[in-house]
Amino acid sequence: MTHGAAIGGGFAISPFVGLTTLVGIVIHEIPHEMGDFAILLRSGFDRWQATKAQLLTGLGGVLGASLALYYSKEIHSKYTTFFFLFSQM
């Protein structure tokens, strides 16, 4: 969820910040998700169950991005920057 919030907060600041945040997180997450998938397979999940589990946990990122974009419109822009920086921790 925090990765999604970082991406949403980045796009709320500017398209450039959003894209650079997105690229950084994607580069970080691809090997991470592959490792999680392998762990699920080794722990007894079949491929379909592991895929569903990965997609379900990925929805947390969509939720985080949605919340960040929603609240960036509701809150003054200086708080959007704070929200983006806080989500990077």
PDB file of N, CA and C in Angstrom:
ATOM      1  N   MET A   1       0.823  -1.192   0.000  1.00  0.00           N
ATOM      2  CA  MET A   1       0.000   0.000   0.000  1.00  0.00           C
ATOM      3  C   MET A   1       0.872   1.262   0.000  1.00  0.00           C
ATOM      4  N   THR A   2       1.983   1.203   0.688  1.00  0.00           N
ATOM      5  CA  THR A   2       2.840   2.393   0.746  1.00  0.00           C
ATOM      6  C   THR A   2       3.488   2.690  -0.596  1.00  0.00           C
ATOM      7  N   HIS A   3       3.796   1.655  -1.370  1.00  0.00           N
ATOM      8  CA  HIS A   3       4.349   1.924  -2.702  1.00  0.00           C
ATOM      9  C   HIS A   3       3.323   2.641  -3.566  1.00  0.00           C
ATOM     10  N   GLY A   4       2.090   2.204  -3.490  1.00  0.00           N
ATOM     11  CA  GLY A   4       1.026   2.879  -4.239  1.00  0.00           C
ATOM     12  C   GLY A   4       0.842   4.314  -3.777  1.00  0.00           C
ATOM     13  N   ALA A   5       0.922   4.530  -2.462  1.00  0.00           N
ATOM     14  CA  ALA A   5       0.791   5.891  -1.937  1.00  0.00           C
ATOM     15  C   ALA A   5       1.940   6.772  -2.424  1.00  0.00           C
ATOM     16  N   ALA A   6       3.133   6.206  -2.508  1.00  0.00           N
ATOM     17  CA  ALA A   6       4.274   6.978  -3.005  1.00  0.00           C
ATOM     18  C   ALA A   6       4.073   7.356  -4.468  1.00  0.00           C
ATOM     19  N   ILE A   7       3.569   6.417  -5.264  1.00  0.00           N
ATOM     20  CA  ILE A   7       3.341   6.692  -6.685  1.00  0.00           C
ATOM     21  C   ILE A   7       2.233   7.734  -6.848  1.00  0.00           C
ATOM     22  N   GLY A   8       1.122   7.547  -6.131  1.00  0.00           N
ATOM     23  CA  GLY A   8       0.031   8.516  -6.214  1.00  0.00           C
ATOM     24  C   GLY A   8       0.452   9.893  -5.743  1.00  0.00           C
ATOM     25  N   GLY A   9       1.197   9.944  -4.651  1.00  0.00           N
ATOM     26  CA  GLY A   9       1.691  11.223  -4.155  1.00  0.00           C
ATOM     27  C   GLY A   9       2.661  11.860  -5.122  1.00  0.00           C
ATOM     28  N   GLY A  10       3.471  11.044  -5.782  1.00  0.00           N
ATOM     29  CA  GLY A  10       4.401  11.569  -6.785  1.00  0.00           C
ATOM     30  C   GLY A  10       3.674  12.199  -7.955  1.00  0.00           C
ATOM     31  N   PHE A  11       2.636  11.529  -8.452  1.00  0.00           N
ATOM     32  CA  PHE A  11       1.866  12.098  -9.558  1.00  0.00           C
ATOM     33  C   PHE A  11       1.079  13.329  -9.119  1.00  0.00           C
ATOM     34  N   ALA A  12       0.719  13.403  -7.847  1.00  0.00           N
ATOM     35  CA  ALA A  12       0.026  14.593  -7.348  1.00  0.00           C
ATOM     36  C   ALA A  12       0.962  15.802  -7.346  1.00  0.00           C
ATOM     37  N   ILE A  13       2.268  15.553  -7.183  1.00  0.00           N
ATOM     38  CA  ILE A  13       3.231  16.647  -7.193  1.00  0.00           C
ATOM     39  C   ILE A  13       3.498  17.097  -8.624  1.00  0.00           C
ATOM     40  N   SER A  14       3.876  16.148  -9.488  1.00  0.00           N
ATOM     41  CA  SER A  14       4.107  16.461 -10.908  1.00  0.00           C
ATOM     42  C   SER A  14       4.218  15.147 -11.681  1.00  0.00           C
ATOM     43  N   PRO A  15       3.967  15.196 -12.984  1.00  0.00           N
ATOM     44  CA  PRO A  15       4.116  13.976 -13.783  1.00  0.00           C
ATOM     45  C   PRO A  15       5.549  13.422 -13.751  1.00  0.00           C
ATOM     46  N   PHE A  16       6.544  14.299 -13.747  1.00  0.00           N
ATOM     47  CA  PHE A  16       7.932  13.838 -13.712  1.00  0.00           C
ATOM     48  C   PHE A  16       8.237  13.093 -12.414  1.00  0.00           C
ATOM     49  N   VAL A  17       7.835  13.657 -11.292  1.00  0.00           N
ATOM     50  CA  VAL A  17       8.070  13.002  -9.998  1.00  0.00           C
ATOM     51  C   VAL A  17       7.316  11.676  -9.947  1.00  0.00           C
ATOM     52  N   GLY A  18       6.093  11.654 -10.452  1.00  0.00           N
ATOM     53  CA  GLY A  18       5.314  10.427 -10.467  1.00  0.00           C
ATOM     54  C   GLY A  18       5.956   9.341 -11.310  1.00  0.00           C
ATOM     55  N   LEU A  19       6.431   9.709 -12.505  1.00  0.00           N
ATOM     56  CA  LEU A  19       7.059   8.713 -13.375  1.00  0.00           C
ATOM     57  C   LEU A  19       8.367   8.186 -12.813  1.00  0.00           C
ATOM     58  N   THR A  20       9.182   9.067 -12.247  1.00  0.00           N
ATOM     59  CA  THR A  20      10.445   8.593 -11.678  1.00  0.00           C
ATOM     60  C   THR A  20      10.193   7.697 -10.464  1.00  0.00           C
ATOM     61  N   THR A  21       9.194   8.027  -9.669  1.00  0.00           N
ATOM     62  CA  THR A  21       8.829   7.177  -8.541  1.00  0.00           C
ATOM     63  C   THR A  21       8.318   5.830  -9.027  1.00  0.00           C
ATOM     64  N   LEU A  22       7.472   5.857 -10.048  1.00  0.00           N
ATOM     65  CA  LEU A  22       6.934   4.631 -10.620  1.00  0.00           C
ATOM     66  C   LEU A  22       8.045   3.727 -11.144  1.00  0.00           C
ATOM     67  N   VAL A  23       8.981   4.285 -11.899  1.00  0.00           N
ATOM     68  CA  VAL A  23      10.078   3.490 -12.455  1.00  0.00           C
ATOM     69  C   VAL A  23      10.925   2.884 -11.338  1.00  0.00           C
ATOM     70  N   GLY A  24      11.241   3.674 -10.337  1.00  0.00           N
ATOM     71  CA  GLY A  24      12.040   3.167  -9.220  1.00  0.00           C
ATOM     72  C   GLY A  24      11.359   2.032  -8.484  1.00  0.00           C
ATOM     73  N   ILE A  25      10.074   2.171  -8.260  1.00  0.00           N
ATOM     74  CA  ILE A  25       9.340   1.132  -7.538  1.00  0.00           C
ATOM     75  C   ILE A  25       9.184  -0.121  -8.386  1.00  0.00           C
ATOM     76  N   VAL A  26       8.933   0.038  -9.686  1.00  0.00           N
ATOM     77  CA  VAL A  26       8.810  -1.133 -10.565  1.00  0.00           C
ATOM     78  C   VAL A  26      10.127  -1.902 -10.606  1.00  0.00           C
ATOM     79  N   ILE A  27      11.245  -1.193 -10.736  1.00  0.00           N
ATOM     80  CA  ILE A  27      12.551  -1.858 -10.754  1.00  0.00           C
ATOM     81  C   ILE A  27      12.791  -2.611  -9.446  1.00  0.00           C
ATOM     82  N   HIS A  28      12.351  -2.055  -8.352  1.00  0.00           N
ATOM     83  CA  HIS A  28      12.499  -2.702  -7.049  1.00  0.00           C
ATOM     84  C   HIS A  28      11.540  -3.879  -6.899  1.00  0.00           C
ATOM     85  N   GLU A  29      10.321  -3.736  -7.365  1.00  0.00           N
ATOM     86  CA  GLU A  29       9.274  -4.721  -7.099  1.00  0.00           C
ATOM     87  C   GLU A  29       9.324  -5.963  -7.976  1.00  0.00           C
ATOM     88  N   ILE A  30       9.832  -5.885  -9.197  1.00  0.00           N
ATOM     89  CA  ILE A  30       9.830  -7.062 -10.072  1.00  0.00           C
ATOM     90  C   ILE A  30      10.591  -8.231  -9.434  1.00  0.00           C
ATOM     91  N   PRO A  31      11.832  -8.065  -9.004  1.00  0.00           N
ATOM     92  CA  PRO A  31      12.506  -9.204  -8.366  1.00  0.00           C
ATOM     93  C   PRO A  31      11.846  -9.606  -7.045  1.00  0.00           C
ATOM     94  N   HIS A  32      11.312  -8.632  -6.334  1.00  0.00           N
ATOM     95  CA  HIS A  32      10.639  -8.910  -5.066  1.00  0.00           C
ATOM     96  C   HIS A  32       9.427  -9.812  -5.294  1.00  0.00           C
ATOM     97  N   GLU A  33       8.604  -9.469  -6.264  1.00  0.00           N
ATOM     98  CA  GLU A  33       7.405 -10.257  -6.544  1.00  0.00           C
ATOM     99  C   GLU A  33       7.757 -11.637  -7.090  1.00  0.00           C
ATOM    100  N   MET A  34       8.815 -11.737  -7.882  1.00  0.00           N
ATOM    101  CA  MET A  34       9.248 -13.046  -8.370  1.00  0.00           C
ATOM    102  C   MET A  34       9.688 -13.936  -7.207  1.00  0.00           C
ATOM    103  N   GLY A  35      10.381 -13.352  -6.262  1.00  0.00           N
ATOM    104  CA  GLY A  35      10.787 -14.096  -5.073  1.00  0.00           C
ATOM    105  C   GLY A  35       9.600 -14.536  -4.244  1.00  0.00           C
ATOM    106  N   ASP A  36       8.633 -13.641  -4.066  1.00  0.00           N
ATOM    107  CA  ASP A  36       7.419 -14.010  -3.331  1.00  0.00           C
ATOM    108  C   ASP A  36       6.680 -15.143  -4.019  1.00  0.00           C
ATOM    109  N   PHE A  37       6.613 -15.088  -5.341  1.00  0.00           N
ATOM    110  CA  PHE A  37       5.943 -16.135  -6.112  1.00  0.00           C
ATOM    111  C   PHE A  37       6.644 -17.476  -5.903  1.00  0.00           C
ATOM    112  N   ALA A  38       7.966 -17.476  -5.948  1.00  0.00           N
ATOM    113  CA  ALA A  38       8.726 -18.708  -5.740  1.00  0.00           C
ATOM    114  C   ALA A  38       8.503 -19.256  -4.328  1.00  0.00           C
ATOM    115  N   ILE A  39       8.466 -18.380  -3.339  1.00  0.00           N
ATOM    116  CA  ILE A  39       8.221 -18.817  -1.962  1.00  0.00           C
ATOM    117  C   ILE A  39       6.836 -19.444  -1.846  1.00  0.00           C
ATOM    118  N   LEU A  40       5.843 -18.833  -2.477  1.00  0.00           N
ATOM    119  CA  LEU A  40       4.491 -19.400  -2.431  1.00  0.00           C
ATOM    120  C   LEU A  40       4.461 -20.780  -3.092  1.00  0.00           C
ATOM    121  N   LEU A  41       5.150 -20.936  -4.204  1.00  0.00           N
ATOM    122  CA  LEU A  41       5.194 -22.241  -4.868  1.00  0.00           C
ATOM    123  C   LEU A  41       5.857 -23.295  -3.987  1.00  0.00           C
ATOM    124  N   ARG A  42       6.953 -22.921  -3.340  1.00  0.00           N
ATOM    125  CA  ARG A  42       7.670 -23.868  -2.472  1.00  0.00           C
ATOM    126  C   ARG A  42       6.895 -24.200  -1.208  1.00  0.00           C
ATOM    127  N   SER A  43       5.969 -23.321  -0.818  1.00  0.00           N
ATOM    128  CA  SER A  43       5.206 -23.572   0.409  1.00  0.00           C
ATOM    129  C   SER A  43       3.921 -24.345   0.152  1.00  0.00           C
ATOM    130  N   GLY A  44       3.707 -24.782  -1.094  1.00  0.00           N
ATOM    131  CA  GLY A  44       2.576 -25.652  -1.368  1.00  0.00           C
ATOM    132  C   GLY A  44       1.485 -25.064  -2.244  1.00  0.00           C
ATOM    133  N   PHE A  45       1.581 -23.814  -2.603  1.00  0.00           N
ATOM    134  CA  PHE A  45       0.594 -23.213  -3.506  1.00  0.00           C
ATOM    135  C   PHE A  45       0.817 -23.780  -4.906  1.00  0.00           C
ATOM    136  N   ASP A  46      -0.256 -23.956  -5.669  1.00  0.00           N
ATOM    137  CA  ASP A  46      -0.054 -24.242  -7.089  1.00  0.00           C
ATOM    138  C   ASP A  46       0.087 -22.896  -7.814  1.00  0.00           C
ATOM    139  N   ARG A  47       0.390 -22.936  -9.105  1.00  0.00           N
ATOM    140  CA  ARG A  47       0.661 -21.678  -9.826  1.00  0.00           C
ATOM    141  C   ARG A  47      -0.537 -20.737  -9.818  1.00  0.00           C
ATOM    142  N   TRP A  48      -1.728 -21.267  -9.981  1.00  0.00           N
ATOM    143  CA  TRP A  48      -2.926 -20.424 -10.009  1.00  0.00           C
ATOM    144  C   TRP A  48      -3.169 -19.781  -8.644  1.00  0.00           C
ATOM    145  N   GLN A  49      -3.011 -20.550  -7.564  1.00  0.00           N
ATOM    146  CA  GLN A  49      -3.193 -19.990  -6.220  1.00  0.00           C
ATOM    147  C   GLN A  49      -2.142 -18.912  -5.931  1.00  0.00           C
ATOM    148  N   ALA A  50      -0.906 -19.166  -6.332  1.00  0.00           N
ATOM    149  CA  ALA A  50       0.153 -18.185  -6.109  1.00  0.00           C
ATOM    150  C   ALA A  50      -0.111 -16.915  -6.908  1.00  0.00           C
ATOM    151  N   THR A  51      -0.588 -17.068  -8.135  1.00  0.00           N
ATOM    152  CA  THR A  51      -0.906 -15.902  -8.962  1.00  0.00           C
ATOM    153  C   THR A  51      -2.035 -15.096  -8.345  1.00  0.00           C
ATOM    154  N   LYS A  52      -3.077 -15.758  -7.875  1.00  0.00           N
ATOM    155  CA  LYS A  52      -4.196 -15.052  -7.228  1.00  0.00           C
ATOM    156  C   LYS A  52      -3.734 -14.330  -5.971  1.00  0.00           C
ATOM    157  N   ALA A  53      -2.867 -14.974  -5.184  1.00  0.00           N
ATOM    158  CA  ALA A  53      -2.359 -14.338  -3.964  1.00  0.00           C
ATOM    159  C   ALA A  53      -1.546 -13.094  -4.300  1.00  0.00           C
ATOM    160  N   GLN A  54      -0.713 -13.175  -5.339  1.00  0.00           N
ATOM    161  CA  GLN A  54       0.091 -12.025  -5.752  1.00  0.00           C
ATOM    162  C   GLN A  54      -0.791 -10.882  -6.258  1.00  0.00           C
ATOM    163  N   LEU A  55      -1.812 -11.222  -7.033  1.00  0.00           N
ATOM    164  CA  LEU A  55      -2.716 -10.177  -7.532  1.00  0.00           C
ATOM    165  C   LEU A  55      -3.495  -9.531  -6.387  1.00  0.00           C
ATOM    166  N   LEU A  56      -3.909 -10.334  -5.431  1.00  0.00           N
ATOM    167  CA  LEU A  56      -4.654  -9.801  -4.296  1.00  0.00           C
ATOM    168  C   LEU A  56      -3.799  -8.836  -3.479  1.00  0.00           C
ATOM    169  N   THR A  57      -2.555  -9.207  -3.232  1.00  0.00           N
ATOM    170  CA  THR A  57      -1.692  -8.295  -2.473  1.00  0.00           C
ATOM    171  C   THR A  57      -1.326  -7.064  -3.296  1.00  0.00           C
ATOM    172  N   GLY A  58      -1.274  -7.203  -4.621  1.00  0.00           N
ATOM    173  CA  GLY A  58      -0.992  -6.055  -5.489  1.00  0.00           C
ATOM    174  C   GLY A  58      -2.096  -5.013  -5.463  1.00  0.00           C
ATOM    175  N   LEU A  59      -3.306  -5.432  -5.123  1.00  0.00           N
ATOM    176  CA  LEU A  59      -4.409  -4.473  -5.037  1.00  0.00           C
ATOM    177  C   LEU A  59      -4.191  -3.454  -3.920  1.00  0.00           C
ATOM    178  N   GLY A  60      -3.370  -3.803  -2.943  1.00  0.00           N
ATOM    179  CA  GLY A  60      -3.026  -2.838  -1.903  1.00  0.00           C
ATOM    180  C   GLY A  60      -2.322  -1.621  -2.472  1.00  0.00           C
ATOM    181  N   GLY A  61      -1.487  -1.829  -3.482  1.00  0.00           N
ATOM    182  CA  GLY A  61      -0.814  -0.712  -4.151  1.00  0.00           C
ATOM    183  C   GLY A  61      -1.792   0.183  -4.883  1.00  0.00           C
ATOM    184  N   VAL A  62      -2.778  -0.419  -5.522  1.00  0.00           N
ATOM    185  CA  VAL A  62      -3.807   0.362  -6.216  1.00  0.00           C
ATOM    186  C   VAL A  62      -4.605   1.177  -5.203  1.00  0.00           C
ATOM    187  N   LEU A  63      -4.920   0.559  -4.079  1.00  0.00           N
ATOM    188  CA  LEU A  63      -5.645   1.268  -3.024  1.00  0.00           C
ATOM    189  C   LEU A  63      -4.821   2.436  -2.484  1.00  0.00           C
ATOM    190  N   GLY A  64      -3.535   2.201  -2.248  1.00  0.00           N
ATOM    191  CA  GLY A  64      -2.667   3.271  -1.755  1.00  0.00           C
ATOM    192  C   GLY A  64      -2.561   4.436  -2.729  1.00  0.00           C
ATOM    193  N   ALA A  65      -2.422   4.133  -4.022  1.00  0.00           N
ATOM    194  CA  ALA A  65      -2.344   5.190  -5.029  1.00  0.00           C
ATOM    195  C   ALA A  65      -3.655   5.958  -5.110  1.00  0.00           C
ATOM    196  N   SER A  66      -4.763   5.241  -5.040  1.00  0.00           N
ATOM    197  CA  SER A  66      -6.074   5.892  -5.090  1.00  0.00           C
ATOM    198  C   SER A  66      -6.275   6.827  -3.907  1.00  0.00           C
ATOM    199  N   LEU A  67      -5.910   6.362  -2.720  1.00  0.00           N
ATOM    200  CA  LEU A  67      -6.050   7.211  -1.531  1.00  0.00           C
ATOM    201  C   LEU A  67      -5.158   8.444  -1.621  1.00  0.00           C
ATOM    202  N   ALA A  68      -3.925   8.257  -2.078  1.00  0.00           N
ATOM    203  CA  ALA A  68      -3.013   9.405  -2.198  1.00  0.00           C
ATOM    204  C   ALA A  68      -3.545  10.432  -3.179  1.00  0.00           C
ATOM    205  N   LEU A  69      -4.050   9.979  -4.318  1.00  0.00           N
ATOM    206  CA  LEU A  69      -4.583  10.929  -5.299  1.00  0.00           C
ATOM    207  C   LEU A  69      -5.855  11.596  -4.797  1.00  0.00           C
ATOM    208  N   TYR A  70      -6.702  10.846  -4.121  1.00  0.00           N
ATOM    209  CA  TYR A  70      -7.937  11.427  -3.591  1.00  0.00           C
ATOM    210  C   TYR A  70      -7.618  12.502  -2.553  1.00  0.00           C
ATOM    211  N   TYR A  71      -6.766  12.178  -1.603  1.00  0.00           N
ATOM    212  CA  TYR A  71      -6.475  13.139  -0.544  1.00  0.00           C
ATOM    213  C   TYR A  71      -5.617  14.298  -1.029  1.00  0.00           C
ATOM    214  N   SER A  72      -4.863  14.108  -2.102  1.00  0.00           N
ATOM    215  CA  SER A  72      -4.070  15.228  -2.622  1.00  0.00           C
ATOM    216  C   SER A  72      -4.967  16.311  -3.197  1.00  0.00           C
ATOM    217  N   LYS A  73      -6.141  15.921  -3.651  1.00  0.00           N
ATOM    218  CA  LYS A  73      -7.091  16.917  -4.152  1.00  0.00           C
ATOM    219  C   LYS A  73      -7.873  17.572  -3.018  1.00  0.00           C
ATOM    220  N   GLU A  74      -7.989  16.866  -1.904  1.00  0.00           N
ATOM    221  CA  GLU A  74      -8.759  17.366  -0.776  1.00  0.00           C
ATOM    222  C   GLU A  74      -7.943  18.250   0.165  1.00  0.00           C
ATOM    223  N   ILE A  75      -6.650  18.040   0.168  1.00  0.00           N
ATOM    224  CA  ILE A  75      -5.776  18.726   1.123  1.00  0.00           C
ATOM    225  C   ILE A  75      -4.903  19.722   0.361  1.00  0.00           C
ATOM    226  N   HIS A  76      -4.557  20.775   0.999  1.00  0.00           N
ATOM    227  CA  HIS A  76      -3.715  21.802   0.382  1.00  0.00           C
ATOM    228  C   HIS A  76      -2.427  21.188  -0.149  1.00  0.00           C
ATOM    229  N   SER A  77      -1.849  21.761  -1.192  1.00  0.00           N
ATOM    230  CA  SER A  77      -0.715  21.161  -1.894  1.00  0.00           C
ATOM    231  C   SER A  77       0.515  20.986  -0.999  1.00  0.00           C
ATOM    232  N   LYS A  78       0.705  21.814   0.011  1.00  0.00           N
ATOM    233  CA  LYS A  78       1.875  21.625   0.870  1.00  0.00           C
ATOM    234  C   LYS A  78       1.764  20.328   1.655  1.00  0.00           C
ATOM    235  N   TYR A  79       0.538  19.892   1.969  1.00  0.00           N
ATOM    236  CA  TYR A  79       0.362  18.625   2.661  1.00  0.00           C
ATOM    237  C   TYR A  79       0.540  17.450   1.708  1.00  0.00           C
ATOM    238  N   THR A  80       0.288  17.632   0.426  1.00  0.00           N
ATOM    239  CA  THR A  80       0.539  16.580  -0.557  1.00  0.00           C
ATOM    240  C   THR A  80       2.020  16.252  -0.594  1.00  0.00           C
ATOM    241  N   THR A  81       2.860  17.280  -0.590  1.00  0.00           N
ATOM    242  CA  THR A  81       4.299  17.061  -0.572  1.00  0.00           C
ATOM    243  C   THR A  81       4.691  16.319   0.696  1.00  0.00           C
ATOM    244  N   PHE A  82       4.131  16.707   1.835  1.00  0.00           N
ATOM    245  CA  PHE A  82       4.417  16.015   3.089  1.00  0.00           C
ATOM    246  C   PHE A  82       3.988  14.561   2.999  1.00  0.00           C
ATOM    247  N   PHE A  83       2.803  14.290   2.440  1.00  0.00           N
ATOM    248  CA  PHE A  83       2.291  12.926   2.310  1.00  0.00           C
ATOM    249  C   PHE A  83       3.210  12.088   1.436  1.00  0.00           C
ATOM    250  N   PHE A  84       3.709  12.670   0.346  1.00  0.00           N
ATOM    251  CA  PHE A  84       4.636  11.966  -0.528  1.00  0.00           C
ATOM    252  C   PHE A  84       5.928  11.637   0.205  1.00  0.00           C
ATOM    253  N   LEU A  85       6.494  12.589   0.890  1.00  0.00           N
ATOM    254  CA  LEU A  85       7.734  12.365   1.598  1.00  0.00           C
ATOM    255  C   LEU A  85       7.546  11.365   2.732  1.00  0.00           C
ATOM    256  N   PHE A  86       6.421  11.430   3.435  1.00  0.00           N
ATOM    257  CA  PHE A  86       6.151  10.497   4.526  1.00  0.00           C
ATOM    258  C   PHE A  86       6.009   9.075   4.007  1.00  0.00           C
ATOM    259  N   SER A  87       5.405   8.895   2.824  1.00  0.00           N
ATOM    260  CA  SER A  87       5.216   7.553   2.283  1.00  0.00           C
ATOM    261  C   SER A  87       6.523   6.950   1.796  1.00  0.00           C
ATOM    262  N   GLN A  88       7.581   7.748   1.626  1.00  0.00           N
ATOM    263  CA  GLN A  88       8.881   7.241   1.184  1.00  0.00           C
ATOM    264  C   GLN A  88       9.658   6.605   2.317  1.00  0.00           C
ATOM    265  N   MET A  89       9.226   6.772   3.548  1.00  0.00           N
ATOM    266  CA  MET A  89       9.960   6.232   4.697  1.00  0.00           C
ATOM    267  C   MET A  89       9.796   4.747   4.799  1.00  0.00           C
TER     268      MET A  89
END
